[in-house]
Amino acid sequence: MAAEIEQRKSWADDVLLLIGASGVGKSTVAALQASLLGCCIIDLDQRFTEQFGHGQDAS
């Protein structure tokens, strides 16, 4: 259990979360940051659409 916690902690040290209202530029900032830092992007809106077949309501 301790090894699992340490593994999660080390992974979490490398995560950058962008949180904000719809349309404020999170995806744009994420792409720029990924380019600068040499990392990947996980877009939860895209994952949601892939899993459920439709986008989130913007209302």
Protein backbone atom coordinates (compact mmCIF):
# COMPACT_ATOMS: atom_id res chain seq x y z
CA MET A 1 0.00 0.00 0.00
CA ALA A 2 2.80 2.44 0.84
CA ALA A 3 4.45 1.81 -2.53
CA GLU A 4 1.16 2.54 -4.30
CA ILE A 5 0.78 5.81 -2.40
CA GLU A 6 4.35 6.83 -3.26
CA GLN A 7 3.75 5.95 -6.93
CA ARG A 8 0.61 8.11 -6.99
CA LYS A 9 2.41 10.98 -5.28
CA SER A 10 5.27 10.93 -7.79
CA TRP A 11 2.81 10.90 -10.71
CA ALA A 12 0.80 13.72 -9.18
CA ASP A 13 3.93 15.87 -8.95
CA ASP A 14 3.99 15.95 -12.77
CA VAL A 15 0.36 16.97 -13.34
CA LEU A 16 -0.80 20.43 -14.33
CA LEU A 17 -4.57 20.92 -14.17
CA LEU A 18 -6.32 23.73 -16.00
CA ILE A 19 -9.76 24.45 -14.58
CA GLY A 20 -12.11 27.18 -15.70
CA ALA A 21 -15.34 28.16 -17.34
CA SER A 22 -16.18 27.10 -20.88
CA GLY A 23 -14.59 29.22 -23.59
CA VAL A 24 -11.85 30.90 -21.53
CA GLY A 25 -8.93 29.30 -23.40
CA LYS A 26 -7.98 26.24 -21.33
CA SER A 27 -7.31 24.12 -24.44
CA THR A 28 -5.18 26.87 -25.99
CA VAL A 29 -3.13 27.29 -22.81
CA ALA A 30 -2.81 23.50 -22.45
CA ALA A 31 -1.42 23.19 -25.99
CA LEU A 32 1.11 25.95 -25.36
CA GLN A 33 2.18 24.48 -22.01
CA ALA A 34 2.50 20.98 -23.48
CA SER A 35 4.69 22.36 -26.25
CA LEU A 36 6.91 24.25 -23.81
CA LEU A 37 7.15 21.43 -21.27
CA GLY A 38 7.32 18.55 -23.74
CA CYS A 39 4.38 16.71 -22.23
CA CYS A 40 1.00 15.39 -23.35
CA ILE A 41 -2.52 16.75 -22.94
CA ILE A 42 -5.48 14.80 -21.60
CA ASP A 43 -8.63 16.64 -22.66
CA LEU A 44 -11.51 15.48 -20.46
CA ASP A 45 -14.12 17.00 -22.80
CA GLN A 46 -12.73 14.81 -25.59
CA ARG A 47 -12.69 11.73 -23.31
CA PHE A 48 -16.29 12.44 -22.28
CA THR A 49 -17.38 12.67 -25.92
CA GLU A 50 -15.51 9.46 -26.82
CA GLN A 51 -17.14 7.56 -23.97
CA PHE A 52 -20.69 8.90 -24.15
CA GLY A 53 -20.94 9.96 -27.79
CA HIS A 54 -21.94 13.59 -27.25
CA GLY A 55 -20.49 16.77 -25.83
CA GLN A 56 -21.31 18.51 -22.60
CA ASP A 57 -23.96 21.21 -22.61
CA ALA A 58 -22.39 24.66 -22.45
CA SER A 59 -25.45 26.14 -20.72
